[in-house]
Amino acid sequence: MEQKIQFDEALIKRYNQTGPRYTSYPTAVQFEEHFGLEDYAEAAKRSNATSRALSLYFHIPFCDTVCFFCACNKVWTRDRSKTTPYLERLFKEIEMQSKLFDSSRMVEQLHWGGGTPTFINHDEMRALMEKTREHFNLYNDDSGEYSIEIDPREANRESVQLLRQLGFNRMSLGVQDFDEKVQKAVNRIQTQAETFEVLEAARENGFLSVNVDLIYGLPFQTEKGFIHTLDRVLEAEPDRFSIFNYAHMPSLFPTQKKMSEADMPSADEKLAILHATTERLLEAGYVYIGMDHFAKPDDELAVAQRNETLYRNFQGYSTHADCDLIGMGATSISLINNTYAQNYKSLADYYAAIDAGHLAVFRGVQLTEDDELRRDVITRLISHFHLNFEQLDDRWNIRFDEYFADELRNLTPMIEDGLIQVSDTDLFVTAKGRLLIRNICMVFDAYLKAGTENRFSKVI
C-alpha cells in the first residue's frame, strides 16, 4: 500500500467535527458501573482458554509540575514520598492480577505511562520491574515491545541506561514545543539540551525505537515557530513522530483554564501548522501511519501497516495485535477477552479497593457480537485504511453489503468527495481521506448513530 496523504483544506474544514479517537470500541463513554469484579474474573477465565499473549500497562500518575494543556489522569506533587503508598498498592494489584491469568502466557507488550513514569526513583523502577517479572512471564531479550513515556526533565543518561537494563527497548519523548513563549504559557519549561541528551542516550543504549511527541494548537504557536521546533527535532532523526492536535476542553480539564483562549492560534493557523508539518515530515522521508503518527519507512509500524498486521489500542499503534491487555494502577483500562474494564480514577478509591483485598475495577462493558464486529471494522480502517469484505464475511459469518447496507449508503458523500473508493470487494481510504479517518470510522459507530452523549475532540 502507498503510505501517502493529500492535504485538502476545504474538505478538512467541512469534515472537522468532534469524534472519538478509537483507542477502543465501544469508547469509554459506554462503560457502565454495573460491570464488576465477577465480570472481570469471568473474562479472565475465557481469556485463559485462548492462546493469546498478554500486554501489561502500568499507570504512574505523578508529575512534578502540571502542564496546563494535559488531559491525562495525573497527580501534581513535589512530594516524592507519595510514590511509596502508591507502589505498595500497585505491587498488591500485580499479585492479584497475576492469579487470574495462566502463568505460561508471554508478555509481548509492556508499557509504563502517566503522569510521569520516571517520577519514581531508580530503586523503585527496579522494584516495579522485579515484581512484574516475579508474577508475569516477561522476555529476557528484545522479543517483546516494552516501552515507556519519558519527560526529558525527569530523565538523564543514567536513568536511560537503567531503563534499558530493566528491559525497555522503546521510548516516547514528550517535547510539545521548544518556543520559550509557548513553554511559559503552558507551564512546561524544557530545554533542547536536556531533551536531546535523553534521545542520544537512548541511541547509545540500544533502544530500538524513539518517538517524539509534538502538540499544535497551544498558546502563541505559529506556523513558523512550530516548524522551527520540528526542524530542530528532525536533525536528531527520531524513528517516529506523534503530532497531536491540542483539544481545549476546560470544563473537563480545569488546569486548561490557566491558558487564555485569546492567545491560542486560530483554526486557520492550526490548519497551516498541520499542513506545513505534514509536508515537512513527508519531505524528510517519513510516512503517514495515521491518527497523528508518522514513522520512517523501515520502522516496524510502517512495515506492519503495509502487511496489514498493524493494531491500535490505548497506547496507540502497535505491532502486537492479538494480546489481552491488563491495565494496572489508578484509572488504567484493561481489554480482556470481549470486555473492557477500568480502575478507579482517584488515589483514595484505588487505595481503598486494593486495601480491601480486591481489584480496583469499578466500571466496564462486555462487548456484544455486533460490538466486536464493528471494532474489527474500525480497527482495520484506522490501522490499514482498507477493508476486504470477503475477509470480514469469513471471520464474522456475514454478508458485508447486507449487514452494513445503511453504512454503505451513508458513505456516499465521502465517495463523492474522494475520501474513499468502494468496489464490490474492497473499501480503500484515499490519500485525501486518511487525515479524516476518524470521520470514516464514525459511520460504523453504532453508539454515535444512537445519539449517545459524547465528549470528544475535533478530528483535526
Protein backbone atom coordinates (compact mmCIF):
# COMPACT_ATOMS: atom_id res chain seq x y z
CA MET A 1 0.00 0.00 0.00
CA GLU A 2 1.08 3.61 -0.59
CA GLN A 3 1.51 5.46 2.71
CA LYS A 4 0.75 8.93 1.42
CA ILE A 5 -1.64 11.70 2.37
CA GLN A 6 -3.11 14.60 0.46
CA PHE A 7 -3.98 17.81 2.31
CA ASP A 8 -7.32 19.24 1.11
CA GLU A 9 -8.05 22.29 3.27
CA ALA A 10 -11.63 22.77 2.08
CA LEU A 11 -12.57 19.16 2.83
CA ILE A 12 -10.83 19.23 6.20
CA LYS A 13 -12.77 22.34 7.23
CA ARG A 14 -16.04 20.77 6.10
CA TYR A 15 -15.47 17.49 7.94
CA ASN A 16 -13.82 18.93 11.05
CA GLN A 17 -16.35 17.78 13.65
CA THR A 18 -15.90 16.16 17.06
CA GLY A 19 -15.39 12.41 17.25
CA PRO A 20 -13.70 9.52 19.08
CA ARG A 21 -10.03 8.67 18.66
CA TYR A 22 -10.99 4.96 18.71
CA THR A 23 -8.34 3.68 21.07
CA SER A 24 -11.25 1.42 21.99
CA TYR A 25 -14.65 0.49 20.60
CA PRO A 26 -17.03 0.92 22.28
CA THR A 27 -15.39 4.01 23.76
CA ALA A 28 -15.16 4.73 27.49
CA VAL A 29 -18.39 6.73 27.23
CA GLN A 30 -20.19 3.37 27.08
CA PHE A 31 -18.51 1.89 30.17
CA GLU A 32 -21.04 1.12 32.91
CA GLU A 33 -20.67 0.69 36.67
CA HIS A 34 -22.79 -2.46 36.84
CA PHE A 35 -19.80 -4.21 35.26
CA GLY A 36 -17.86 -5.53 38.24
CA LEU A 37 -15.24 -7.87 39.62
CA GLU A 38 -17.12 -11.07 38.80
CA ASP A 39 -17.47 -9.98 35.18
CA TYR A 40 -13.75 -9.28 35.03
CA ALA A 41 -12.83 -12.65 36.57
CA GLU A 42 -15.08 -14.47 34.10
CA ALA A 43 -13.43 -12.61 31.22
CA ALA A 44 -10.02 -13.70 32.51
CA LYS A 45 -11.19 -17.33 32.51
CA ARG A 46 -12.34 -17.05 28.90
CA SER A 47 -9.07 -15.36 28.07
CA ASN A 48 -7.03 -18.24 29.51
CA ALA A 49 -8.80 -20.63 27.16
CA THR A 50 -7.18 -18.82 24.22
CA SER A 51 -3.58 -18.80 23.02
CA ARG A 52 -3.29 -15.01 23.19
CA ALA A 53 -0.24 -13.36 24.69
CA LEU A 54 -0.51 -10.59 27.28
CA SER A 55 0.06 -6.86 27.25
CA LEU A 56 0.69 -5.03 30.54
CA TYR A 57 0.07 -1.33 31.16
CA PHE A 58 1.19 0.41 34.37
CA HIS A 59 -0.09 3.89 35.16
CA ILE A 60 2.27 6.11 37.18
CA PRO A 61 0.18 9.25 37.77
CA PHE A 62 2.67 11.61 39.44
CA CYS A 63 4.08 14.80 37.92
CA ASP A 64 6.47 17.31 39.48
CA THR A 65 4.77 20.19 37.66
CA VAL A 66 1.46 20.39 35.85
CA CYS A 67 1.41 21.08 32.12
CA PHE A 68 -1.67 23.25 31.64
CA PHE A 69 -2.67 21.52 28.38
CA CYS A 70 -2.59 17.99 29.83
CA ALA A 71 -5.74 15.85 29.66
CA CYS A 72 -4.18 12.79 31.33
CA ASN A 73 -5.08 11.43 34.75
CA LYS A 74 -2.27 12.79 36.91
CA VAL A 75 -1.35 13.83 40.44
CA TRP A 76 0.65 17.03 40.64
CA THR A 77 3.05 16.93 43.57
CA ARG A 78 6.65 17.63 44.53
CA ASP A 79 6.43 15.22 47.45
CA ARG A 80 8.35 12.20 46.15
CA SER A 81 7.33 10.16 49.20
CA LYS A 82 3.83 9.83 47.71
CA THR A 83 5.15 7.15 45.39
CA THR A 84 5.67 4.73 48.30
CA PRO A 85 1.99 4.11 49.18
CA TYR A 86 1.09 4.04 45.50
CA LEU A 87 3.67 1.40 44.61
CA GLU A 88 2.70 -0.67 47.64
CA ARG A 89 -0.84 -0.92 46.26
CA LEU A 90 0.38 -1.42 42.70
CA PHE A 91 2.51 -4.38 43.84
CA LYS A 92 -0.55 -5.92 45.51
CA GLU A 93 -2.55 -5.40 42.34
CA ILE A 94 0.16 -7.13 40.31
CA GLU A 95 -0.10 -10.12 42.64
CA MET A 96 -3.90 -10.25 42.42
CA GLN A 97 -3.99 -9.80 38.66
CA SER A 98 -1.38 -12.49 38.07
CA LYS A 99 -3.52 -15.08 39.87
CA LEU A 100 -6.24 -14.65 37.23
CA PHE A 101 -4.04 -15.44 34.24
CA ASP A 102 -2.17 -18.53 33.10
CA SER A 103 1.48 -18.07 34.07
CA SER A 104 2.68 -19.55 30.78
CA ARG A 105 1.29 -16.67 28.72
CA MET A 106 4.09 -14.45 27.44
CA VAL A 107 4.03 -10.69 27.91
CA GLU A 108 4.59 -9.41 24.38
CA GLN A 109 3.84 -5.79 25.17
CA LEU A 110 4.58 -3.74 28.31
CA HIS A 111 4.12 -0.02 28.81
CA TRP A 112 4.66 2.48 31.63
CA GLY A 113 2.54 5.59 31.16
CA GLY A 114 1.42 8.55 33.20
CA GLY A 115 1.70 11.11 34.53
CA THR A 116 5.45 10.84 34.50
CA PRO A 117 6.71 7.25 34.87
CA THR A 118 10.26 8.44 35.60
CA PHE A 119 8.95 10.41 38.60
CA ILE A 120 9.72 7.29 40.64
CA ASN A 121 13.36 6.82 41.69
CA HIS A 122 15.79 4.21 40.38
CA ASP A 123 15.27 1.78 43.24
CA GLU A 124 11.51 1.97 42.71
CA MET A 125 11.95 1.36 38.99
CA ARG A 126 13.97 -1.77 39.74
CA ALA A 127 11.44 -2.96 42.31
CA LEU A 128 8.47 -2.47 39.97
CA MET A 129 10.10 -4.42 37.17
CA GLU A 130 11.28 -7.15 39.55
CA LYS A 131 7.74 -7.51 40.92
CA THR A 132 6.39 -7.71 37.38
CA ARG A 133 8.89 -10.38 36.38
CA GLU A 134 8.11 -12.32 39.55
CA HIS A 135 4.44 -12.64 38.66
CA PHE A 136 4.31 -12.45 34.85
CA ASN A 137 6.23 -14.18 32.06
CA LEU A 138 8.43 -11.45 30.55
CA TYR A 139 11.02 -11.87 27.82
CA ASN A 140 14.70 -11.58 28.68
CA ASP A 141 15.57 -10.28 25.22
CA ASP A 142 14.04 -7.77 22.82
CA SER A 143 11.30 -10.07 21.52
CA GLY A 144 8.66 -8.01 23.29
CA GLU A 145 7.60 -4.41 22.75
CA TYR A 146 8.47 -2.86 26.13
CA SER A 147 8.01 0.91 26.10
CA ILE A 148 7.94 3.90 28.43
CA GLU A 149 6.82 7.52 28.23
CA ILE A 150 9.65 9.92 29.08
CA ASP A 151 9.58 13.53 30.24
CA PRO A 152 13.17 14.63 29.48
CA ARG A 153 13.07 16.91 32.52
CA GLU A 154 12.74 13.77 34.66
CA ALA A 155 15.41 11.66 32.96
CA ASN A 156 19.13 11.66 32.18
CA ARG A 157 21.76 9.33 30.72
CA GLU A 158 21.92 7.28 33.91
CA SER A 159 18.17 6.70 34.09
CA VAL A 160 18.01 5.83 30.38
CA GLN A 161 20.78 3.27 30.88
CA LEU A 162 18.88 1.77 33.82
CA LEU A 163 15.63 1.56 31.85
CA ARG A 164 17.42 -0.32 29.08
CA GLN A 165 18.91 -2.73 31.63
CA LEU A 166 15.44 -3.32 33.05
CA GLY A 167 14.20 -4.46 29.64
CA PHE A 168 12.71 -1.38 27.98
CA ASN A 169 13.51 -1.14 24.29
CA ARG A 170 11.23 1.69 23.08
CA MET A 171 10.53 5.16 24.42
CA SER A 172 8.33 8.13 23.67
CA LEU A 173 9.72 11.59 24.43
CA GLY A 174 7.43 14.49 25.28
CA VAL A 175 8.63 17.70 23.62
CA GLN A 176 5.47 19.61 22.57
CA ASP A 177 7.29 22.83 21.54
CA PHE A 178 10.73 24.41 22.05
CA ASP A 179 9.49 28.00 21.80
CA GLU A 180 10.12 29.68 25.17
CA LYS A 181 6.97 31.82 24.99
CA VAL A 182 4.82 28.75 24.32
CA GLN A 183 6.56 26.78 27.07
CA LYS A 184 5.92 29.54 29.61
CA ALA A 185 2.24 29.77 28.62
CA VAL A 186 1.70 26.02 29.13
CA ASN A 187 3.93 25.76 32.22
CA ARG A 188 6.41 23.33 30.66
CA ILE A 189 9.92 24.76 30.59
CA GLN A 190 12.13 22.25 28.81
CA THR A 191 15.46 22.92 27.14
CA GLN A 192 16.64 21.44 23.90
CA ALA A 193 19.82 20.27 25.59
CA GLU A 194 18.08 18.08 28.18
CA THR A 195 15.74 16.72 25.50
CA PHE A 196 18.49 15.67 23.12
CA GLU A 197 20.60 14.28 25.95
CA VAL A 198 17.86 11.70 26.59
CA LEU A 199 17.40 10.96 22.90
CA GLU A 200 21.12 10.45 22.39
CA ALA A 201 21.30 8.24 25.50
CA ALA A 202 18.51 6.09 24.07
CA ARG A 203 20.56 5.56 20.91
CA GLU A 204 23.74 4.86 22.86
CA ASN A 205 21.97 2.23 24.97
CA GLY A 206 20.39 0.42 22.04
CA PHE A 207 16.74 1.44 22.27
CA LEU A 208 15.06 0.05 19.17
CA SER A 209 12.70 2.97 18.62
CA VAL A 210 12.32 6.55 19.83
CA ASN A 211 9.12 8.54 19.30
CA VAL A 212 8.81 12.31 19.77
CA ASP A 213 5.52 13.98 20.76
CA LEU A 214 4.67 17.47 19.50
CA ILE A 215 1.42 19.36 20.09
CA TYR A 216 -0.06 22.07 17.85
CA GLY A 217 -2.80 24.47 18.90
CA LEU A 218 -1.10 25.75 22.08
CA PRO A 219 -0.95 29.45 23.06
CA PHE A 220 1.32 31.67 20.93
CA GLN A 221 2.09 28.95 18.41
CA THR A 222 2.54 29.96 14.79
CA GLU A 223 3.35 28.02 11.66
CA LYS A 224 6.87 29.49 11.54
CA GLY A 225 7.56 28.80 15.22
CA PHE A 226 6.25 25.25 15.15
CA ILE A 227 8.25 24.36 12.03
CA HIS A 228 11.35 25.73 13.76
CA THR A 229 10.78 23.21 16.59
CA LEU A 230 10.09 20.43 14.09
CA ASP A 231 13.26 21.17 12.13
CA ARG A 232 15.33 21.09 15.31
CA VAL A 233 13.91 17.67 16.23
CA LEU A 234 14.33 16.37 12.67
CA GLU A 235 18.07 16.92 12.99
CA ALA A 236 18.06 14.08 15.56
CA GLU A 237 16.10 11.79 13.18
CA PRO A 238 13.75 10.07 15.66
CA ASP A 239 12.12 6.88 14.41
CA ARG A 240 8.59 8.20 14.88
CA PHE A 241 6.62 11.37 15.45
CA SER A 242 3.26 11.91 17.11
CA ILE A 243 1.83 15.30 16.10
CA PHE A 244 -1.17 15.89 18.36
CA ASN A 245 -3.93 18.45 17.98
CA TYR A 246 -4.45 20.22 21.30
CA ALA A 247 -8.06 19.78 22.43
CA HIS A 248 -9.20 22.70 24.59
CA MET A 249 -11.87 21.32 26.94
CA PRO A 250 -11.50 23.28 30.20
CA SER A 251 -14.86 22.05 31.54
CA LEU A 252 -13.35 18.55 31.68
CA PHE A 253 -9.73 19.51 32.47
CA PRO A 254 -9.67 22.53 34.83
CA THR A 255 -5.94 23.27 34.50
CA GLN A 256 -6.61 24.23 30.89
CA LYS A 257 -8.39 27.33 32.26
CA LYS A 258 -4.94 28.70 33.13
CA MET A 259 -4.34 29.29 29.42
CA SER A 260 -6.07 32.15 27.64
CA GLU A 261 -8.08 31.19 24.56
CA ALA A 262 -7.20 34.61 23.13
CA ASP A 263 -3.56 33.50 22.94
CA MET A 264 -4.30 30.32 21.02
CA PRO A 265 -3.84 30.05 17.25
CA SER A 266 -6.92 30.45 15.10
CA ALA A 267 -8.46 27.48 13.29
CA ASP A 268 -6.81 28.65 10.06
CA GLU A 269 -3.42 28.95 11.76
CA LYS A 270 -3.78 25.46 13.21
CA LEU A 271 -4.52 24.09 9.75
CA ALA A 272 -1.50 25.93 8.40
CA ILE A 273 0.67 24.35 11.12
CA LEU A 274 -0.68 20.88 10.32
CA HIS A 275 -0.23 21.36 6.58
CA ALA A 276 3.34 22.63 6.89
CA THR A 277 4.23 19.92 9.39
CA THR A 278 2.85 17.19 7.17
CA GLU A 279 4.75 18.46 4.15
CA ARG A 280 7.99 18.77 6.11
CA LEU A 281 7.77 15.22 7.51
CA LEU A 282 6.97 13.73 4.11
CA GLU A 283 9.89 15.64 2.57
CA ALA A 284 12.12 14.22 5.32
CA GLY A 285 11.16 10.68 4.27
CA TYR A 286 8.62 9.80 6.96
CA VAL A 287 5.37 8.06 6.05
CA TYR A 288 1.93 8.70 7.49
CA ILE A 289 0.78 5.88 9.76
CA GLY A 290 -2.49 7.53 10.77
CA MET A 291 -4.09 9.39 13.68
CA ASP A 292 -1.28 11.96 14.05
CA HIS A 293 1.52 9.36 13.73
CA PHE A 294 4.44 9.37 11.30
CA ALA A 295 7.32 6.90 11.05
CA LYS A 296 10.36 6.10 8.96
CA PRO A 297 9.53 3.67 6.11
CA ASP A 298 11.58 0.85 7.68
CA ASP A 299 10.08 1.34 11.16
CA GLU A 300 8.14 -1.69 12.41
CA LEU A 301 4.90 0.33 12.48
CA ALA A 302 5.25 1.25 8.81
CA VAL A 303 6.12 -2.33 7.88
CA ALA A 304 3.19 -3.72 9.88
CA GLN A 305 0.80 -1.29 8.20
CA ARG A 306 1.96 -2.37 4.74
CA ASN A 307 1.47 -6.01 5.81
CA GLU A 308 -1.92 -5.17 7.35
CA THR A 309 -0.86 -6.51 10.75
CA LEU A 310 -0.91 -3.12 12.50
CA TYR A 311 -3.19 -2.68 15.51
CA ARG A 312 -4.45 0.21 17.63
CA ASN A 313 -5.13 0.23 21.38
CA PHE A 314 -4.92 2.56 24.39
CA GLN A 315 -1.17 3.01 23.90
CA GLY A 316 -1.61 3.97 20.24
CA TYR A 317 -0.42 1.89 17.29
CA SER A 318 1.18 -1.49 17.94
CA THR A 319 2.55 -4.45 16.04
CA HIS A 320 1.21 -6.86 18.70
CA ALA A 321 -2.45 -7.19 17.78
CA ASP A 322 -3.50 -10.44 19.37
CA CYS A 323 -2.94 -9.64 23.06
CA ASP A 324 -5.15 -9.29 26.10
CA LEU A 325 -4.32 -6.03 27.85
CA ILE A 326 -4.10 -5.88 31.66
CA GLY A 327 -4.18 -2.32 32.95
CA MET A 328 -2.81 -1.69 36.44
CA GLY A 329 -2.76 1.43 38.57
CA ALA A 330 -5.32 4.17 39.08
CA THR A 331 -7.58 4.92 36.07
CA SER A 332 -5.98 2.21 33.87
CA ILE A 333 -8.14 0.29 31.39
CA SER A 334 -7.96 -3.43 30.60
CA LEU A 335 -9.10 -5.26 27.47
CA ILE A 336 -9.66 -8.88 28.43
CA ASN A 337 -11.36 -11.26 26.01
CA ASN A 338 -14.53 -9.40 24.95
CA THR A 339 -14.59 -6.89 27.83
CA TYR A 340 -13.17 -3.52 28.80
CA ALA A 341 -12.65 -2.78 32.50
CA GLN A 342 -11.44 0.42 34.16
CA ASN A 343 -9.87 1.00 37.57
CA TYR A 344 -10.95 3.74 39.95
CA LYS A 345 -9.60 7.14 38.95
CA SER A 346 -8.85 8.73 42.32
CA LEU A 347 -6.00 7.52 44.51
CA ALA A 348 -8.30 7.32 47.55
CA ASP A 349 -10.74 4.98 45.79
CA TYR A 350 -7.92 2.96 44.23
CA TYR A 351 -6.18 2.53 47.60
CA ALA A 352 -9.43 1.58 49.36
CA ALA A 353 -10.19 -1.17 46.85
CA ILE A 354 -6.70 -2.70 46.98
CA ASP A 355 -6.59 -2.43 50.78
CA ALA A 356 -9.90 -4.32 50.92
CA GLY A 357 -8.16 -7.20 49.14
CA HIS A 358 -9.73 -6.97 45.70
CA LEU A 359 -9.05 -5.39 42.34
CA ALA A 360 -9.91 -1.74 41.77
CA VAL A 361 -12.23 -2.29 38.77
CA PHE A 362 -15.25 0.00 39.06
CA ARG A 363 -16.78 0.02 35.58
CA GLY A 364 -16.55 -1.58 32.18
CA VAL A 365 -18.51 -3.17 29.36
CA GLN A 366 -18.94 -6.61 27.86
CA LEU A 367 -19.00 -6.45 24.09
CA THR A 368 -21.81 -7.90 22.03
CA GLU A 369 -21.01 -9.73 18.81
CA ASP A 370 -22.06 -6.59 16.93
CA ASP A 371 -19.60 -4.56 19.07
CA GLU A 372 -16.78 -6.97 18.24
CA LEU A 373 -17.59 -6.89 14.53
CA ARG A 374 -17.70 -3.10 14.43
CA ARG A 375 -14.49 -2.89 16.47
CA ASP A 376 -12.82 -5.12 13.88
CA VAL A 377 -14.05 -2.90 11.04
CA ILE A 378 -12.94 0.31 12.78
CA THR A 379 -9.55 -1.16 13.74
CA ARG A 380 -8.88 -2.27 10.16
CA LEU A 381 -9.84 1.15 8.82
CA ILE A 382 -7.81 3.16 11.31
CA SER A 383 -4.77 0.87 11.00
CA HIS A 384 -4.75 -0.24 7.36
CA PHE A 385 -7.04 2.25 5.54
CA HIS A 386 -8.57 -0.78 3.86
CA LEU A 387 -11.41 -3.26 4.25
CA ASN A 388 -11.66 -6.50 2.33
CA PHE A 389 -15.30 -7.55 2.54
CA GLU A 390 -14.61 -11.26 1.97
CA GLN A 391 -12.21 -11.41 4.91
CA LEU A 392 -14.84 -9.88 7.17
CA ASP A 393 -17.56 -12.15 5.77
CA ASP A 394 -15.47 -15.25 6.51
CA ARG A 395 -14.48 -14.14 10.00
CA TRP A 396 -17.91 -12.99 11.17
CA ASN A 397 -20.20 -15.16 9.03
CA ILE A 398 -21.97 -12.18 7.47
CA ARG A 399 -22.57 -10.58 4.10
CA PHE A 400 -20.86 -7.21 4.48
CA ASP A 401 -23.02 -5.48 1.87
CA GLU A 402 -26.17 -6.66 3.66
CA TYR A 403 -25.06 -6.20 7.28
CA PHE A 404 -23.69 -2.72 6.63
CA ALA A 405 -26.15 -1.65 3.94
CA ASP A 406 -27.07 1.55 5.81
CA GLU A 407 -23.44 2.39 6.46
CA LEU A 408 -22.52 1.90 2.80
CA ARG A 409 -25.29 4.29 1.81
CA ASN A 410 -24.10 6.81 4.40
CA LEU A 411 -20.62 6.65 2.90
CA THR A 412 -21.88 8.01 -0.43
CA PRO A 413 -20.93 11.66 0.30
CA MET A 414 -17.42 10.53 1.23
CA ILE A 415 -17.16 8.59 -2.02
CA GLU A 416 -18.28 11.67 -3.93
CA ASP A 417 -15.74 13.81 -2.06
CA GLY A 418 -12.95 11.37 -2.92
CA LEU A 419 -12.22 10.27 0.65
CA ILE A 420 -12.81 6.60 -0.10
CA GLN A 421 -13.16 4.23 -3.03
CA VAL A 422 -15.60 1.32 -2.78
CA SER A 423 -15.83 -1.68 -5.09
CA ASP A 424 -17.78 -4.93 -4.81
CA THR A 425 -14.90 -6.45 -2.82
CA ASP A 426 -12.99 -3.68 -1.05
CA LEU A 427 -13.08 -0.27 0.58
CA PHE A 428 -9.93 1.83 0.27
CA VAL A 429 -9.27 5.12 2.05
CA THR A 430 -7.62 7.52 -0.39
CA ALA A 431 -4.65 9.78 0.32
CA LYS A 432 -7.18 12.61 0.62
CA GLY A 433 -9.25 10.70 3.17
CA ARG A 434 -6.55 9.50 5.55
CA LEU A 435 -6.41 12.68 7.62
CA LEU A 436 -10.18 12.27 8.06
CA ILE A 437 -10.11 8.59 9.03
CA ARG A 438 -12.00 9.31 12.28
CA ASN A 439 -14.95 10.60 10.24
CA ILE A 440 -14.97 7.43 8.15
CA CYS A 441 -14.83 5.21 11.23
CA MET A 442 -17.69 7.15 12.81
CA VAL A 443 -20.04 5.90 10.08
CA PHE A 444 -19.64 2.39 11.56
CA ASP A 445 -20.09 3.54 15.18
CA ALA A 446 -23.50 2.30 16.34
CA TYR A 447 -23.39 4.33 19.54
CA LEU A 448 -22.93 7.65 17.78
CA LYS A 449 -25.84 6.82 15.49
CA ALA A 450 -27.98 6.06 18.51
CA GLY A 451 -27.38 9.59 19.75
CA THR A 452 -25.37 8.59 22.79
CA GLU A 453 -23.80 11.60 24.51
CA ASN A 454 -20.16 12.00 23.55
CA ARG A 455 -17.38 14.28 24.71
CA PHE A 456 -14.73 14.14 22.07
CA SER A 457 -12.13 16.42 20.48
CA LYS A 458 -12.19 17.80 16.94
CA VAL A 459 -10.91 15.30 14.37
CA ILE A 460 -8.32 17.81 13.11
